[in-house]
PDB file of N, CA and C in Angstrom:
ATOM      1  N   MET A   1       1.178   0.425 -11.254  1.00  0.00           N
ATOM      2  CA  MET A   1       1.341   1.580 -12.100  1.00  0.00           C
ATOM      3  C   MET A   1       0.874   2.848 -11.375  1.00  0.00           C
ATOM      4  N   LEU A   2      -0.300   2.789 -10.752  1.00  0.00           N
ATOM      5  CA  LEU A   2      -0.817   3.948 -10.027  1.00  0.00           C
ATOM      6  C   LEU A   2       0.092   4.290  -8.855  1.00  0.00           C
ATOM      7  N   ARG A   3       0.565   3.264  -8.150  1.00  0.00           N
ATOM      8  CA  ARG A   3       1.446   3.480  -7.011  1.00  0.00           C
ATOM      9  C   ARG A   3       2.734   4.175  -7.452  1.00  0.00           C
ATOM     10  N   ALA A   4       3.330   3.719  -8.543  1.00  0.00           N
ATOM     11  CA  ALA A   4       4.568   4.311  -9.045  1.00  0.00           C
ATOM     12  C   ALA A   4       4.340   5.754  -9.495  1.00  0.00           C
ATOM     13  N   THR A   5       3.219   6.010 -10.136  1.00  0.00           N
ATOM     14  CA  THR A   5       2.894   7.367 -10.577  1.00  0.00           C
ATOM     15  C   THR A   5       2.715   8.291  -9.372  1.00  0.00           C
ATOM     16  N   LEU A   6       1.998   7.818  -8.381  1.00  0.00           N
ATOM     17  CA  LEU A   6       1.774   8.615  -7.176  1.00  0.00           C
ATOM     18  C   LEU A   6       3.089   8.880  -6.449  1.00  0.00           C
ATOM     19  N   LEU A   7       3.949   7.876  -6.368  1.00  0.00           N
ATOM     20  CA  LEU A   7       5.241   8.050  -5.714  1.00  0.00           C
ATOM     21  C   LEU A   7       6.100   9.062  -6.483  1.00  0.00           C
ATOM     22  N   GLY A   8       6.093   8.966  -7.797  1.00  0.00           N
ATOM     23  CA  GLY A   8       6.844   9.920  -8.616  1.00  0.00           C
ATOM     24  C   GLY A   8       6.345  11.341  -8.430  1.00  0.00           C
ATOM     25  N   PHE A   9       5.035  11.509  -8.403  1.00  0.00           N
ATOM     26  CA  PHE A   9       4.447  12.828  -8.190  1.00  0.00           C
ATOM     27  C   PHE A   9       4.818  13.372  -6.817  1.00  0.00           C
ATOM     28  N   ALA A  10       4.784  12.516  -5.793  1.00  0.00           N
ATOM     29  CA  ALA A  10       5.105  12.940  -4.435  1.00  0.00           C
ATOM     30  C   ALA A  10       6.578  13.344  -4.315  1.00  0.00           C
ATOM     31  N   VAL A  11       7.455  12.590  -4.945  1.00  0.00           N
ATOM     32  CA  VAL A  11       8.878  12.940  -4.934  1.00  0.00           C
ATOM     33  C   VAL A  11       9.093  14.267  -5.667  1.00  0.00           C
ATOM     34  N   PHE A  12       8.409  14.438  -6.793  1.00  0.00           N
ATOM     35  CA  PHE A  12       8.502  15.707  -7.537  1.00  0.00           C
ATOM     36  C   PHE A  12       8.029  16.875  -6.679  1.00  0.00           C
ATOM     37  N   MET A  13       6.902  16.706  -5.988  1.00  0.00           N
ATOM     38  CA  MET A  13       6.384  17.771  -5.125  1.00  0.00           C
ATOM     39  C   MET A  13       7.401  18.142  -4.052  1.00  0.00           C
ATOM     40  N   THR A  14       7.970  17.134  -3.421  1.00  0.00           N
ATOM     41  CA  THR A  14       8.935  17.375  -2.353  1.00  0.00           C
ATOM     42  C   THR A  14      10.174  18.097  -2.883  1.00  0.00           C
ATOM     43  N   CYS A  15      10.701  17.613  -3.989  1.00  0.00           N
ATOM     44  CA  CYS A  15      11.899  18.237  -4.577  1.00  0.00           C
ATOM     45  C   CYS A  15      11.624  19.661  -5.048  1.00  0.00           C
ATOM     46  N   ALA A  16      10.486  19.870  -5.688  1.00  0.00           N
ATOM     47  CA  ALA A  16      10.130  21.209  -6.151  1.00  0.00           C
ATOM     48  C   ALA A  16       9.974  22.159  -4.969  1.00  0.00           C
ATOM     49  N   GLY A  17       9.371  21.676  -3.908  1.00  0.00           N
ATOM     50  CA  GLY A  17       9.227  22.511  -2.712  1.00  0.00           C
ATOM     51  C   GLY A  17      10.561  22.854  -2.092  1.00  0.00           C
ATOM     52  N   LEU A  18      11.473  21.879  -2.048  1.00  0.00           N
ATOM     53  CA  LEU A  18      12.797  22.137  -1.488  1.00  0.00           C
ATOM     54  C   LEU A  18      13.579  23.141  -2.332  1.00  0.00           C
ATOM     55  N   VAL A  19      13.493  23.018  -3.643  1.00  0.00           N
ATOM     56  CA  VAL A  19      14.172  23.968  -4.531  1.00  0.00           C
ATOM     57  C   VAL A  19      13.619  25.369  -4.315  1.00  0.00           C
ATOM     58  N   CYS A  20      12.305  25.498  -4.219  1.00  0.00           N
ATOM     59  CA  CYS A  20      11.695  26.808  -3.990  1.00  0.00           C
ATOM     60  C   CYS A  20      12.116  27.379  -2.639  1.00  0.00           C
ATOM     61  N   LEU A  21      12.191  26.514  -1.619  1.00  0.00           N
ATOM     62  CA  LEU A  21      12.614  26.991  -0.304  1.00  0.00           C
ATOM     63  C   LEU A  21      14.062  27.464  -0.328  1.00  0.00           C
ATOM     64  N   LEU A  22      14.919  26.727  -1.016  1.00  0.00           N
ATOM     65  CA  LEU A  22      16.325  27.124  -1.121  1.00  0.00           C
ATOM     66  C   LEU A  22      16.494  28.408  -1.927  1.00  0.00           C
ATOM     67  N   ALA A  23      15.567  28.668  -2.832  1.00  0.00           N
ATOM     68  CA  ALA A  23      15.612  29.894  -3.623  1.00  0.00           C
ATOM     69  C   ALA A  23      15.030  31.089  -2.868  1.00  0.00           C
ATOM     70  N   GLY A  24      14.500  30.841  -1.672  1.00  0.00           N
ATOM     71  CA  GLY A  24      13.992  31.926  -0.851  1.00  0.00           C
ATOM     72  C   GLY A  24      12.495  32.154  -0.926  1.00  0.00           C
ATOM     73  N   PHE A  25      11.756  31.237  -1.549  1.00  0.00           N
ATOM     74  CA  PHE A  25      10.301  31.374  -1.672  1.00  0.00           C
ATOM     75  C   PHE A  25       9.647  30.682  -0.483  1.00  0.00           C
ATOM     76  N   LYS A  26       9.384  31.445   0.574  1.00  0.00           N
ATOM     77  CA  LYS A  26       8.885  30.891   1.845  1.00  0.00           C
ATOM     78  C   LYS A  26       7.517  30.201   1.755  1.00  0.00           C
ATOM     79  N   PRO A  27       6.585  30.620   0.895  1.00  0.00           N
ATOM     80  CA  PRO A  27       5.284  29.950   0.848  1.00  0.00           C
ATOM     81  C   PRO A  27       5.340  28.526   0.270  1.00  0.00           C
ATOM     82  N   ALA A  28       6.520  27.990   0.001  1.00  0.00           N
ATOM     83  CA  ALA A  28       6.627  26.630  -0.542  1.00  0.00           C
ATOM     84  C   ALA A  28       6.607  25.559   0.537  1.00  0.00           C
ATOM     85  N   TRP A  29       6.507  25.949   1.813  1.00  0.00           N
ATOM     86  CA  TRP A  29       6.479  24.955   2.886  1.00  0.00           C
ATOM     87  C   TRP A  29       5.343  23.938   2.747  1.00  0.00           C
ATOM     88  N   PRO A  30       4.122  24.357   2.467  1.00  0.00           N
ATOM     89  CA  PRO A  30       3.039  23.362   2.386  1.00  0.00           C
ATOM     90  C   PRO A  30       3.269  22.292   1.311  1.00  0.00           C
ATOM     91  N   ILE A  31       3.723  22.683   0.137  1.00  0.00           N
ATOM     92  CA  ILE A  31       3.929  21.689  -0.921  1.00  0.00           C
ATOM     93  C   ILE A  31       5.062  20.729  -0.537  1.00  0.00           C
ATOM     94  N   THR A  32       6.075  21.239   0.158  1.00  0.00           N
ATOM     95  CA  THR A  32       7.178  20.385   0.594  1.00  0.00           C
ATOM     96  C   THR A  32       6.701  19.386   1.645  1.00  0.00           C
ATOM     97  N   ILE A  33       5.962  19.881   2.615  1.00  0.00           N
ATOM     98  CA  ILE A  33       5.477  19.012   3.695  1.00  0.00           C
ATOM     99  C   ILE A  33       4.498  17.969   3.159  1.00  0.00           C
ATOM    100  N   TRP A  34       3.537  18.393   2.344  1.00  0.00           N
ATOM    101  CA  TRP A  34       2.565  17.442   1.806  1.00  0.00           C
ATOM    102  C   TRP A  34       3.227  16.423   0.871  1.00  0.00           C
ATOM    103  N   GLY A  35       4.220  16.840   0.126  1.00  0.00           N
ATOM    104  CA  GLY A  35       4.955  15.903  -0.712  1.00  0.00           C
ATOM    105  C   GLY A  35       5.665  14.853   0.117  1.00  0.00           C
ATOM    106  N   ALA A  36       6.301  15.272   1.214  1.00  0.00           N
ATOM    107  CA  ALA A  36       6.999  14.330   2.091  1.00  0.00           C
ATOM    108  C   ALA A  36       6.015  13.371   2.765  1.00  0.00           C
ATOM    109  N   ILE A  37       4.869  13.886   3.183  1.00  0.00           N
ATOM    110  CA  ILE A  37       3.843  13.024   3.798  1.00  0.00           C
ATOM    111  C   ILE A  37       3.353  11.991   2.795  1.00  0.00           C
ATOM    112  N   LEU A  38       3.136  12.415   1.570  1.00  0.00           N
ATOM    113  CA  LEU A  38       2.662  11.496   0.532  1.00  0.00           C
ATOM    114  C   LEU A  38       3.712  10.428   0.209  1.00  0.00           C
ATOM    115  N   VAL A  39       4.980  10.811   0.153  1.00  0.00           N
ATOM    116  CA  VAL A  39       6.049   9.821  -0.067  1.00  0.00           C
ATOM    117  C   VAL A  39       6.032   8.787   1.046  1.00  0.00           C
ATOM    118  N   ALA A  40       5.968   9.234   2.291  1.00  0.00           N
ATOM    119  CA  ALA A  40       5.944   8.318   3.436  1.00  0.00           C
ATOM    120  C   ALA A  40       4.713   7.410   3.391  1.00  0.00           C
ATOM    121  N   ALA A  41       3.573   7.962   3.043  1.00  0.00           N
ATOM    122  CA  ALA A  41       2.340   7.163   3.003  1.00  0.00           C
ATOM    123  C   ALA A  41       2.408   6.079   1.931  1.00  0.00           C
ATOM    124  N   VAL A  42       2.912   6.414   0.761  1.00  0.00           N
ATOM    125  CA  VAL A  42       2.990   5.432  -0.321  1.00  0.00           C
ATOM    126  C   VAL A  42       3.978   4.324   0.038  1.00  0.00           C
ATOM    127  N   LEU A  43       5.098   4.686   0.646  1.00  0.00           N
ATOM    128  CA  LEU A  43       6.093   3.672   1.010  1.00  0.00           C
ATOM    129  C   LEU A  43       5.624   2.793   2.172  1.00  0.00           C
ATOM    130  N   CYS A  44       4.923   3.372   3.140  1.00  0.00           N
ATOM    131  CA  CYS A  44       4.435   2.591   4.285  1.00  0.00           C
ATOM    132  C   CYS A  44       3.231   1.729   3.916  1.00  0.00           C
ATOM    133  N   GLU A  45       2.472   2.123   2.917  1.00  0.00           N
ATOM    134  CA  GLU A  45       1.287   1.362   2.508  1.00  0.00           C
ATOM    135  C   GLU A  45       1.660  -0.048   2.083  1.00  0.00           C
ATOM    136  N   ARG A  46       2.744  -0.211   1.372  1.00  0.00           N
ATOM    137  CA  ARG A  46       3.169  -1.535   0.903  1.00  0.00           C
ATOM    138  C   ARG A  46       3.504  -2.439   2.085  1.00  0.00           C
ATOM    139  N   TRP A  47       4.147  -1.863   3.117  1.00  0.00           N
ATOM    140  CA  TRP A  47       4.507  -2.648   4.292  1.00  0.00           C
ATOM    141  C   TRP A  47       3.275  -2.981   5.126  1.00  0.00           C
ATOM    142  N   ARG A  48       2.374  -2.045   5.288  1.00  0.00           N
ATOM    143  CA  ARG A  48       1.224  -2.219   6.182  1.00  0.00           C
ATOM    144  C   ARG A  48       0.180  -3.174   5.626  1.00  0.00           C
ATOM    145  N   TYR A  49      -0.074  -3.134   4.351  1.00  0.00           N
ATOM    146  CA  TYR A  49      -1.153  -3.913   3.766  1.00  0.00           C
ATOM    147  C   TYR A  49      -0.651  -5.086   2.935  1.00  0.00           C
ATOM    148  N   ARG A  50       0.431  -5.716   3.363  1.00  0.00           N
ATOM    149  CA  ARG A  50       0.939  -6.874   2.634  1.00  0.00           C
ATOM    150  C   ARG A  50       0.018  -8.066   2.860  1.00  0.00           C
ATOM    151  N   PRO A  51      -0.075  -8.993   1.905  1.00  0.00           N
ATOM    152  CA  PRO A  51      -0.941 -10.155   2.070  1.00  0.00           C
ATOM    153  C   PRO A  51      -0.427 -11.072   3.171  1.00  0.00           C
ATOM    154  N   ARG A  52      -1.330 -11.689   3.868  1.00  0.00           N
ATOM    155  CA  ARG A  52      -0.969 -12.620   4.930  1.00  0.00           C
ATOM    156  C   ARG A  52      -0.734 -14.007   4.361  1.00  0.00           C
ATOM    157  N   GLU A  53       0.249 -14.676   4.928  1.00  0.00           N
ATOM    158  CA  GLU A  53       0.501 -16.075   4.577  1.00  0.00           C
ATOM    159  C   GLU A  53      -0.093 -16.938   5.689  1.00  0.00           C
ATOM    160  N   ASP A  54      -0.880 -17.918   5.329  1.00  0.00           N
ATOM    161  CA  ASP A  54      -1.493 -18.783   6.334  1.00  0.00           C
ATOM    162  C   ASP A  54      -1.710 -20.159   5.737  1.00  0.00           C
ATOM    163  N   ASP A  55      -1.607 -21.166   6.570  1.00  0.00           N
ATOM    164  CA  ASP A  55      -1.788 -22.537   6.095  1.00  0.00           C
ATOM    165  C   ASP A  55      -3.185 -23.078   6.370  1.00  0.00           C
ATOM    166  N   GLY A  56      -4.077 -22.258   6.922  1.00  0.00           N
ATOM    167  CA  GLY A  56      -5.437 -22.686   7.189  1.00  0.00           C
ATOM    168  C   GLY A  56      -5.616 -23.254   8.582  1.00  0.00           C
ATOM    169  N   SER A  57      -4.630 -23.156   9.442  1.00  0.00           N
ATOM    170  CA  SER A  57      -4.755 -23.677  10.796  1.00  0.00           C
ATOM    171  C   SER A  57      -5.472 -22.677  11.697  1.00  0.00           C
ATOM    172  N   ASP A  58      -5.624 -23.025  12.963  1.00  0.00           N
ATOM    173  CA  ASP A  58      -6.264 -22.169  13.966  1.00  0.00           C
ATOM    174  C   ASP A  58      -7.722 -21.861  13.648  1.00  0.00           C
ATOM    175  N   GLY A  59      -8.460 -22.818  13.153  1.00  0.00           N
ATOM    176  CA  GLY A  59      -9.882 -22.641  12.904  1.00  0.00           C
ATOM    177  C   GLY A  59     -10.233 -22.063  11.552  1.00  0.00           C
ATOM    178  N   TRP A  60      -9.261 -21.806  10.717  1.00  0.00           N
ATOM    179  CA  TRP A  60      -9.525 -21.267   9.392  1.00  0.00           C
ATOM    180  C   TRP A  60      -9.834 -22.397   8.438  1.00  0.00           C
ATOM    181  N   GLN A  61     -10.875 -22.209   7.631  1.00  0.00           N
ATOM    182  CA  GLN A  61     -11.280 -23.216   6.646  1.00  0.00           C
ATOM    183  C   GLN A  61     -11.187 -22.625   5.249  1.00  0.00           C
ATOM    184  N   LYS A  62     -10.760 -23.437   4.297  1.00  0.00           N
ATOM    185  CA  LYS A  62     -10.714 -22.973   2.910  1.00  0.00           C
ATOM    186  C   LYS A  62     -12.135 -22.919   2.357  1.00  0.00           C
ATOM    187  N   THR A  63     -12.434 -21.886   1.602  1.00  0.00           N
ATOM    188  CA  THR A  63     -13.768 -21.727   1.030  1.00  0.00           C
ATOM    189  C   THR A  63     -13.847 -22.284  -0.387  1.00  0.00           C
ATOM    190  N   GLY A  64     -12.710 -22.519  -1.008  1.00  0.00           N
ATOM    191  CA  GLY A  64     -12.702 -22.959  -2.395  1.00  0.00           C
ATOM    192  C   GLY A  64     -12.649 -21.785  -3.362  1.00  0.00           C
ATOM    193  N   GLU A  65     -12.807 -20.572  -2.828  1.00  0.00           N
ATOM    194  CA  GLU A  65     -12.718 -19.382  -3.675  1.00  0.00           C
ATOM    195  C   GLU A  65     -11.251 -19.075  -3.941  1.00  0.00           C
ATOM    196  N   GLN A  66     -10.974 -18.674  -5.150  1.00  0.00           N
ATOM    197  CA  GLN A  66      -9.629 -18.235  -5.498  1.00  0.00           C
ATOM    198  C   GLN A  66      -9.707 -17.270  -6.668  1.00  0.00           C
ATOM    199  N   PHE A  67      -8.714 -16.385  -6.725  1.00  0.00           N
ATOM    200  CA  PHE A  67      -8.667 -15.413  -7.810  1.00  0.00           C
ATOM    201  C   PHE A  67      -7.217 -14.980  -8.004  1.00  0.00           C
ATOM    202  N   VAL A  68      -6.963 -14.353  -9.113  1.00  0.00           N
ATOM    203  CA  VAL A  68      -5.630 -13.851  -9.410  1.00  0.00           C
ATOM    204  C   VAL A  68      -5.564 -12.392  -8.974  1.00  0.00           C
ATOM    205  N   ASP A  69      -4.599 -12.091  -8.092  1.00  0.00           N
ATOM    206  CA  ASP A  69      -4.407 -10.729  -7.621  1.00  0.00           C
ATOM    207  C   ASP A  69      -3.929  -9.870  -8.784  1.00  0.00           C
ATOM    208  N   PRO A  70      -4.658  -8.792  -9.125  1.00  0.00           N
ATOM    209  CA  PRO A  70      -4.288  -7.990 -10.292  1.00  0.00           C
ATOM    210  C   PRO A  70      -2.939  -7.280 -10.142  1.00  0.00           C
ATOM    211  N   GLU A  71      -2.524  -6.975  -8.921  1.00  0.00           N
ATOM    212  CA  GLU A  71      -1.267  -6.249  -8.733  1.00  0.00           C
ATOM    213  C   GLU A  71      -0.052  -7.167  -8.825  1.00  0.00           C
ATOM    214  N   SER A  72      -0.125  -8.333  -8.149  1.00  0.00           N
ATOM    215  CA  SER A  72       1.041  -9.223  -8.127  1.00  0.00           C
ATOM    216  C   SER A  72       0.967 -10.322  -9.179  1.00  0.00           C
ATOM    217  N   GLY A  73      -0.237 -10.630  -9.663  1.00  0.00           N
ATOM    218  CA  GLY A  73      -0.402 -11.701 -10.633  1.00  0.00           C
ATOM    219  C   GLY A  73      -0.379 -13.085  -9.996  1.00  0.00           C
ATOM    220  N   LYS A  74      -0.419 -13.165  -8.663  1.00  0.00           N
ATOM    221  CA  LYS A  74      -0.373 -14.444  -7.950  1.00  0.00           C
ATOM    222  C   LYS A  74      -1.778 -14.929  -7.626  1.00  0.00           C
ATOM    223  N   LEU A  75      -1.894 -16.248  -7.473  1.00  0.00           N
ATOM    224  CA  LEU A  75      -3.171 -16.867  -7.133  1.00  0.00           C
ATOM    225  C   LEU A  75      -3.434 -16.693  -5.639  1.00  0.00           C
ATOM    226  N   VAL A  76      -4.609 -16.186  -5.289  1.00  0.00           N
ATOM    227  CA  VAL A  76      -4.989 -15.920  -3.901  1.00  0.00           C
ATOM    228  C   VAL A  76      -6.131 -16.855  -3.516  1.00  0.00           C
ATOM    229  N   HIS A  77      -6.010 -17.507  -2.354  1.00  0.00           N
ATOM    230  CA  HIS A  77      -7.056 -18.384  -1.825  1.00  0.00           C
ATOM    231  C   HIS A  77      -7.759 -17.672  -0.671  1.00  0.00           C
ATOM    232  N   VAL A  78      -9.044 -17.948  -0.507  1.00  0.00           N
ATOM    233  CA  VAL A  78      -9.838 -17.309   0.539  1.00  0.00           C
ATOM    234  C   VAL A  78     -10.058 -18.305   1.667  1.00  0.00           C
ATOM    235  N   LEU A  79      -9.762 -17.876   2.899  1.00  0.00           N
ATOM    236  CA  LEU A  79     -10.021 -18.673   4.092  1.00  0.00           C
ATOM    237  C   LEU A  79     -11.143 -18.013   4.880  1.00  0.00           C
ATOM    238  N   TYR A  80     -11.864 -18.832   5.665  1.00  0.00           N
ATOM    239  CA  TYR A  80     -13.034 -18.353   6.396  1.00  0.00           C
ATOM    240  C   TYR A  80     -12.975 -18.907   7.818  1.00  0.00           C
ATOM    241  N   ARG A  81     -13.296 -18.079   8.800  1.00  0.00           N
ATOM    242  CA  ARG A  81     -13.355 -18.516  10.190  1.00  0.00           C
ATOM    243  C   ARG A  81     -14.820 -18.476  10.623  1.00  0.00           C
ATOM    244  N   PRO A  82     -15.456 -19.646  10.772  1.00  0.00           N
ATOM    245  CA  PRO A  82     -16.893 -19.691  11.078  1.00  0.00           C
ATOM    246  C   PRO A  82     -17.277 -19.010  12.397  1.00  0.00           C
ATOM    247  N   GLU A  83     -16.391 -19.030  13.390  1.00  0.00           N
ATOM    248  CA  GLU A  83     -16.722 -18.462  14.700  1.00  0.00           C
ATOM    249  C   GLU A  83     -16.965 -16.954  14.623  1.00  0.00           C
ATOM    250  N   THR A  84     -16.200 -16.279  13.784  1.00  0.00           N
ATOM    251  CA  THR A  84     -16.279 -14.814  13.724  1.00  0.00           C
ATOM    252  C   THR A  84     -16.818 -14.281  12.396  1.00  0.00           C
ATOM    253  N   GLY A  85     -16.813 -15.120  11.368  1.00  0.00           N
ATOM    254  CA  GLY A  85     -17.233 -14.673  10.046  1.00  0.00           C
ATOM    255  C   GLY A  85     -16.141 -13.933   9.291  1.00  0.00           C
ATOM    256  N   GLU A  86     -14.949 -13.910   9.873  1.00  0.00           N
ATOM    257  CA  GLU A  86     -13.824 -13.197   9.260  1.00  0.00           C
ATOM    258  C   GLU A  86     -13.308 -13.950   8.038  1.00  0.00           C
ATOM    259  N   ARG A  87     -12.860 -13.206   7.036  1.00  0.00           N
ATOM    260  CA  ARG A  87     -12.269 -13.787   5.834  1.00  0.00           C
ATOM    261  C   ARG A  87     -10.821 -13.376   5.751  1.00  0.00           C
ATOM    262  N   ARG A  88      -9.986 -14.261   5.239  1.00  0.00           N
ATOM    263  CA  ARG A  88      -8.546 -13.996   5.093  1.00  0.00           C
ATOM    264  C   ARG A  88      -8.119 -14.432   3.712  1.00  0.00           C
ATOM    265  N   TYR A  89      -7.228 -13.674   3.125  1.00  0.00           N
ATOM    266  CA  TYR A  89      -6.746 -13.957   1.776  1.00  0.00           C
ATOM    267  C   TYR A  89      -5.277 -14.355   1.840  1.00  0.00           C
ATOM    268  N   THR A  90      -4.931 -15.513   1.291  1.00  0.00           N
ATOM    269  CA  THR A  90      -3.567 -16.004   1.330  1.00  0.00           C
ATOM    270  C   THR A  90      -3.046 -16.241  -0.082  1.00  0.00           C
ATOM    271  N   VAL A  91      -1.761 -15.984  -0.250  1.00  0.00           N
ATOM    272  CA  VAL A  91      -1.107 -16.208  -1.528  1.00  0.00           C
ATOM    273  C   VAL A  91      -0.404 -17.562  -1.455  1.00  0.00           C
ATOM    274  N   ASN A  92      -0.685 -18.416  -2.420  1.00  0.00           N
ATOM    275  CA  ASN A  92      -0.046 -19.734  -2.446  1.00  0.00           C
ATOM    276  C   ASN A  92       0.753 -19.911  -3.704  1.00  0.00           C
TER     277      ASN A  92
END
């Protein structure tokens, strides 16, 4: 919900800035640029921070911890790598 609201606001900012620029209002450049940056950031965030899929191989051990991801509603399992202390979250 927050992501969709932010994306809608960013698209509105970009469109409003473009309309103002086309109407001859030169100081609208910042709102247009920041709106476009925000649109790109929201769209790239989904690709960059997607959950990892892993079967627990390569030294990863299941911890027995699990929870429901509030955004996707899917069950997430926690894996642990004893050598580094790193934790990984997988959707099953």
